[in-house]
Amino acid sequence: MQELEQVIREALGRMKYGGAGTRSYAEYVLRKALGDEK
């Protein structure tokens, strides 16, 4: 569960500093991590 938290923090950091592409990547990572891939 700790690595999941690390992934989320990293994704949020990327969202904060990145553009649209980075934001969609972070969203993809979060969905994958949460098992919400459709």
C-alpha atoms as a PDB file:
ATOM      1  CA  MET A   1       0.000   0.000   0.000  1.00  0.00           C
ATOM      2  CA  GLN A   2       2.983   2.285   0.594  1.00  0.00           C
ATOM      3  CA  GLU A   3       4.104   2.165  -3.043  1.00  0.00           C
ATOM      4  CA  LEU A   4       0.565   3.110  -4.086  1.00  0.00           C
ATOM      5  CA  GLU A   5       0.811   6.234  -1.955  1.00  0.00           C
ATOM      6  CA  GLN A   6       4.185   7.021  -3.534  1.00  0.00           C
ATOM      7  CA  VAL A   7       2.701   6.641  -7.028  1.00  0.00           C
ATOM      8  CA  ILE A   8      -0.198   8.930  -6.137  1.00  0.00           C
ATOM      9  CA  ARG A   9       2.101  11.598  -4.706  1.00  0.00           C
ATOM     10  CA  GLU A  10       4.300  11.448  -7.797  1.00  0.00           C
ATOM     11  CA  ALA A  11       1.286  11.645 -10.095  1.00  0.00           C
ATOM     12  CA  LEU A  12      -0.116  14.626  -8.207  1.00  0.00           C
ATOM     13  CA  GLY A  13       3.272  16.326  -8.395  1.00  0.00           C
ATOM     14  CA  ARG A  14       3.346  15.771 -12.148  1.00  0.00           C
ATOM     15  CA  MET A  15      -0.182  17.143 -12.474  1.00  0.00           C
ATOM     16  CA  LYS A  16       0.820  20.282 -10.596  1.00  0.00           C
ATOM     17  CA  TYR A  17       3.832  21.059 -12.780  1.00  0.00           C
ATOM     18  CA  GLY A  18       2.921  19.395 -16.060  1.00  0.00           C
ATOM     19  CA  GLY A  19       0.780  20.304 -19.037  1.00  0.00           C
ATOM     20  CA  ALA A  20      -2.277  18.559 -20.419  1.00  0.00           C
ATOM     21  CA  GLY A  21      -0.327  15.485 -21.528  1.00  0.00           C
ATOM     22  CA  THR A  22       1.229  15.055 -18.118  1.00  0.00           C
ATOM     23  CA  ARG A  23      -2.151  15.507 -16.485  1.00  0.00           C
ATOM     24  CA  SER A  24      -3.764  12.772 -18.568  1.00  0.00           C
ATOM     25  CA  TYR A  25      -0.770  10.513 -17.838  1.00  0.00           C
ATOM     26  CA  ALA A  26      -1.153  11.112 -14.117  1.00  0.00           C
ATOM     27  CA  GLU A  27      -4.877  10.396 -14.364  1.00  0.00           C
ATOM     28  CA  TYR A  28      -4.126   7.145 -16.202  1.00  0.00           C
ATOM     29  CA  VAL A  29      -1.620   6.128 -13.524  1.00  0.00           C
ATOM     30  CA  LEU A  30      -4.085   6.891 -10.741  1.00  0.00           C
ATOM     31  CA  ARG A  31      -6.901   4.955 -12.426  1.00  0.00           C
ATOM     32  CA  LYS A  32      -4.587   2.001 -13.008  1.00  0.00           C
ATOM     33  CA  ALA A  33      -3.348   2.121  -9.420  1.00  0.00           C
ATOM     34  CA  LEU A  34      -6.891   2.229  -8.085  1.00  0.00           C
ATOM     35  CA  GLY A  35      -8.037  -0.561 -10.402  1.00  0.00           C
ATOM     36  CA  ASP A  36     -10.568   1.732 -12.081  1.00  0.00           C
ATOM     37  CA  GLU A  37      -9.372   1.071 -15.634  1.00  0.00           C
ATOM     38  CA  LYS A  38     -12.260   0.827 -18.077  1.00  0.00           C
END
